[in-house]
Amino acid sequence: MTLHGTDAYTGLSGLPPLVGRALDAARSQSFGCSCRPEQGRLLQVLAGGVGGSGGRIGETGTGLGVGLAWLASGARAGVRLFGVEREPERARAAAEVFRERAEVTVACADWRDIAAYGPFELLVLDGGGQGKVPGDPAADVERLLVPGGMVVVDDFTPVEQWPPRFGGGVDRARLHWLEHPALRAVEVRLASDLCAVVGTRRR
């Protein structure tokens, strides 16, 4: 979830209809922290790489479903999508966004509960499992991803130096993902103020 992410869609046209539906839900609840369009387009592209029947995509921190809508808009037929959102009203509203999409499940649950739906070919850590917040551990990608599966960890600020720094110190969360022994990972710059880490689980 990105601060002012919902506002970033103001004036944009040509969005996938499902994304527009999720944005309407976010705006109706004054929820500002949707994923930004730059993130959404990345998710749409990555979702298209998940194999057909039996493929699984997961997302933590679904909010009102904007990121999940981007994923669903890019996914192939036969792929199942699962989102978890811990706030009950948001979870209910997000589930309503996808009421006509049988392949999408939204559960009111903690991010750790995403494991019940895996392992995944693609996992987006948007609202838990990123390891950024003290007391909130990083997700176990060896448990949650199939070999060759991908993880996306968003909402990083681009940096130019190494090791990366944030908030006056070394950015341990970013290093966790970039140097994870089970992943091949890279930082992808999405805008001048936004980047994500994308990693593939080693086979």
Protein backbone atom coordinates (compact mmCIF):
# COMPACT_ATOMS: atom_id res chain seq x y z
CA MET A 1 0.00 0.00 0.00
CA THR A 2 1.34 3.39 -0.98
CA LEU A 3 0.56 6.70 0.72
CA HIS A 4 -1.57 8.80 -1.67
CA GLY A 5 -1.64 5.88 -4.10
CA THR A 6 -5.35 6.26 -4.82
CA ASP A 7 -4.86 9.92 -5.71
CA ALA A 8 -2.20 8.95 -8.27
CA TYR A 9 -4.95 7.71 -10.60
CA THR A 10 -6.62 11.11 -10.87
CA GLY A 11 -7.02 12.02 -14.53
CA LEU A 12 -5.81 8.64 -15.85
CA SER A 13 -7.85 6.90 -18.54
CA GLY A 14 -7.72 3.51 -20.19
CA LEU A 15 -7.43 1.56 -16.94
CA PRO A 16 -8.59 -2.07 -16.85
CA PRO A 17 -12.28 -2.08 -15.86
CA LEU A 18 -11.62 -4.17 -12.75
CA VAL A 19 -9.02 -1.66 -11.59
CA GLY A 20 -11.56 1.11 -12.06
CA ARG A 21 -14.06 -0.83 -9.96
CA ALA A 22 -11.51 -1.25 -7.15
CA LEU A 23 -10.63 2.45 -7.31
CA ASP A 24 -14.30 3.34 -6.94
CA ALA A 25 -14.42 1.19 -3.80
CA ALA A 26 -11.26 2.82 -2.43
CA ARG A 27 -12.61 6.30 -3.04
CA SER A 28 -16.00 5.48 -1.53
CA GLN A 29 -14.23 4.52 1.70
CA SER A 30 -11.70 7.38 1.57
CA PHE A 31 -8.91 4.80 1.37
CA GLY A 32 -5.84 6.56 0.03
CA CYS A 33 -3.21 3.83 0.21
CA SER A 34 -3.86 1.88 -2.99
CA CYS A 35 -0.94 0.69 -5.09
CA ARG A 36 0.18 3.31 -7.59
CA PRO A 37 -0.35 2.92 -11.35
CA GLU A 38 3.36 2.23 -11.88
CA GLN A 39 3.20 -0.65 -9.42
CA GLY A 40 -0.04 -1.88 -10.91
CA ARG A 41 1.35 -2.11 -14.42
CA LEU A 42 4.32 -4.11 -13.12
CA LEU A 43 1.94 -6.50 -11.33
CA GLN A 44 -0.19 -6.89 -14.45
CA VAL A 45 2.85 -7.86 -16.52
CA LEU A 46 4.18 -10.31 -13.93
CA ALA A 47 0.76 -11.92 -13.48
CA GLY A 48 0.70 -12.68 -17.20
CA GLY A 49 3.77 -14.86 -16.74
CA VAL A 50 2.06 -17.24 -14.33
CA GLY A 51 1.11 -20.52 -16.01
CA GLY A 52 -2.49 -21.40 -16.77
CA SER A 53 -4.66 -23.92 -14.93
CA GLY A 54 -3.44 -24.49 -11.39
CA GLY A 55 -1.30 -21.37 -11.20
CA ARG A 56 -1.59 -19.35 -7.99
CA ILE A 57 -1.04 -15.69 -7.22
CA GLY A 58 -1.15 -14.29 -3.68
CA GLU A 59 -1.22 -10.80 -2.21
CA THR A 60 -0.93 -9.55 1.36
CA GLY A 61 -2.53 -6.28 2.43
CA THR A 62 -5.22 -6.24 -0.26
CA GLY A 63 -6.85 -3.04 1.00
CA LEU A 64 -9.75 -2.26 -1.34
CA GLY A 65 -8.35 -4.48 -4.08
CA VAL A 66 -6.58 -2.14 -6.52
CA GLY A 67 -3.36 -4.16 -6.66
CA LEU A 68 -5.29 -7.42 -6.79
CA ALA A 69 -7.36 -6.01 -9.65
CA TRP A 70 -4.20 -5.26 -11.62
CA LEU A 71 -3.06 -8.83 -10.99
CA ALA A 72 -6.40 -10.29 -12.02
CA SER A 73 -6.42 -8.12 -15.14
CA GLY A 74 -3.13 -9.61 -16.25
CA ALA A 75 -3.60 -13.24 -15.20
CA ARG A 76 -4.28 -16.02 -17.67
CA ALA A 77 -7.41 -18.12 -17.65
CA GLY A 78 -7.25 -20.85 -15.01
CA VAL A 79 -5.01 -18.94 -12.60
CA ARG A 80 -6.36 -18.52 -9.05
CA LEU A 81 -5.77 -15.33 -7.08
CA PHE A 82 -5.85 -14.93 -3.30
CA GLY A 83 -5.74 -11.73 -1.28
CA VAL A 84 -5.75 -11.23 2.49
CA GLU A 85 -6.81 -8.04 4.27
CA ARG A 86 -6.94 -7.85 8.05
CA GLU A 87 -9.41 -4.95 8.35
CA PRO A 88 -12.93 -6.47 8.14
CA GLU A 89 -14.74 -3.63 6.35
CA ARG A 90 -12.02 -3.33 3.75
CA ALA A 91 -12.00 -7.09 3.24
CA ARG A 92 -15.77 -7.11 2.70
CA ALA A 93 -15.60 -4.23 0.23
CA ALA A 94 -12.71 -5.80 -1.66
CA ALA A 95 -14.56 -9.12 -1.89
CA GLU A 96 -17.50 -7.21 -3.39
CA VAL A 97 -15.21 -5.77 -6.08
CA PHE A 98 -14.46 -9.32 -7.24
CA ARG A 99 -17.93 -10.80 -6.74
CA GLU A 100 -18.18 -11.74 -10.42
CA ARG A 101 -14.66 -13.16 -10.61
CA ALA A 102 -14.81 -16.72 -9.30
CA GLU A 103 -11.06 -17.12 -9.63
CA VAL A 104 -10.40 -14.41 -7.02
CA THR A 105 -10.67 -15.01 -3.27
CA VAL A 106 -10.42 -12.21 -0.70
CA ALA A 107 -10.19 -13.26 2.96
CA CYS A 108 -10.28 -11.18 6.13
CA ALA A 109 -7.06 -12.45 7.65
CA ASP A 110 -3.56 -11.59 8.83
CA TRP A 111 -0.87 -11.66 6.17
CA ARG A 112 0.54 -14.89 7.61
CA ASP A 113 -2.69 -16.65 6.65
CA ILE A 114 -1.79 -16.32 2.97
CA ALA A 115 0.18 -19.53 3.46
CA ALA A 116 -3.08 -21.51 3.52
CA TYR A 117 -3.55 -20.73 -0.19
CA GLY A 118 -0.02 -21.38 -1.42
CA PRO A 119 2.54 -22.16 -2.52
CA PHE A 120 2.48 -19.48 -5.20
CA GLU A 121 3.95 -18.82 -8.61
CA LEU A 122 3.72 -15.10 -7.78
CA LEU A 123 3.43 -13.51 -4.33
CA VAL A 124 3.02 -9.77 -3.76
CA LEU A 125 3.95 -8.59 -0.27
CA ASP A 126 2.08 -5.33 0.00
CA GLY A 127 0.70 -5.18 3.55
CA GLY A 128 2.70 -7.63 5.62
CA GLY A 129 5.65 -9.96 5.37
CA GLN A 130 8.01 -7.35 3.98
CA GLY A 131 10.15 -7.27 7.10
CA LYS A 132 10.13 -3.47 7.20
CA VAL A 133 8.31 -3.04 10.52
CA PRO A 134 9.92 -4.12 13.82
CA GLY A 135 8.13 -7.21 15.11
CA ASP A 136 6.75 -8.06 11.66
CA PRO A 137 9.07 -10.73 10.21
CA ALA A 138 9.81 -11.18 6.54
CA ALA A 139 7.80 -13.86 4.78
CA ASP A 140 9.43 -17.26 4.28
CA VAL A 141 9.71 -17.45 0.50
CA GLU A 142 11.02 -21.00 0.57
CA ARG A 143 7.71 -22.02 2.12
CA LEU A 144 5.44 -19.69 0.18
CA LEU A 145 6.87 -19.91 -3.35
CA VAL A 146 7.16 -22.83 -5.72
CA PRO A 147 10.68 -23.27 -7.15
CA GLY A 148 10.98 -20.60 -9.82
CA GLY A 149 8.16 -18.58 -8.24
CA MET A 150 8.43 -14.82 -7.93
CA VAL A 151 8.02 -12.41 -5.03
CA VAL A 152 7.39 -8.66 -5.30
CA VAL A 153 8.17 -6.37 -2.35
CA ASP A 154 7.03 -2.85 -3.08
CA ASP A 155 7.15 0.69 -1.68
CA PHE A 156 10.89 1.24 -1.51
CA THR A 157 12.52 4.58 -2.22
CA PRO A 158 15.21 4.50 -4.93
CA VAL A 159 18.76 4.91 -3.70
CA GLU A 160 22.07 5.46 -5.45
CA GLN A 161 24.56 4.22 -2.85
CA TRP A 162 25.58 0.79 -1.54
CA PRO A 163 24.73 -0.46 0.93
CA PRO A 164 21.29 1.13 0.57
CA ARG A 165 20.30 3.49 3.35
CA PHE A 166 16.94 4.67 4.61
CA GLY A 167 15.93 6.72 7.62
CA GLY A 168 19.50 7.41 8.62
CA GLY A 169 20.71 3.82 8.65
CA VAL A 170 21.37 0.81 6.46
CA ASP A 171 18.15 -0.43 4.85
CA ARG A 172 18.13 -3.92 6.33
CA ALA A 173 14.73 -4.83 4.87
CA ARG A 174 15.87 -4.10 1.34
CA LEU A 175 19.12 -5.98 1.87
CA HIS A 176 17.17 -8.96 3.22
CA TRP A 177 15.47 -9.37 -0.14
CA LEU A 178 18.31 -8.38 -2.44
CA GLU A 179 20.76 -10.73 -0.71
CA HIS A 180 18.34 -13.55 0.18
CA PRO A 181 20.15 -16.87 -0.47
CA ALA A 182 16.99 -18.50 -1.86
CA LEU A 183 16.33 -15.71 -4.38
CA ARG A 184 17.75 -14.06 -7.44
CA ALA A 185 16.54 -10.52 -6.83
CA VAL A 186 16.77 -7.11 -8.44
CA GLU A 187 15.53 -3.64 -7.61
CA VAL A 188 13.17 -2.25 -10.27
CA ARG A 189 12.73 1.52 -10.41
CA LEU A 190 9.13 2.44 -11.18
CA ALA A 191 9.30 6.23 -10.73
CA SER A 192 11.73 8.83 -9.43
CA ASP A 193 10.40 8.21 -5.91
CA LEU A 194 9.33 4.56 -6.11
CA CYS A 195 10.88 1.16 -6.64
CA ALA A 196 10.20 -2.49 -5.90
CA VAL A 197 12.32 -5.57 -5.31
CA VAL A 198 11.47 -8.51 -7.53
CA GLY A 199 12.95 -11.92 -6.78
CA THR A 200 12.75 -15.41 -8.25
CA ARG A 201 13.12 -18.43 -6.00
CA ARG A 202 16.11 -20.50 -6.99
CA ARG A 203 15.26 -23.96 -8.27
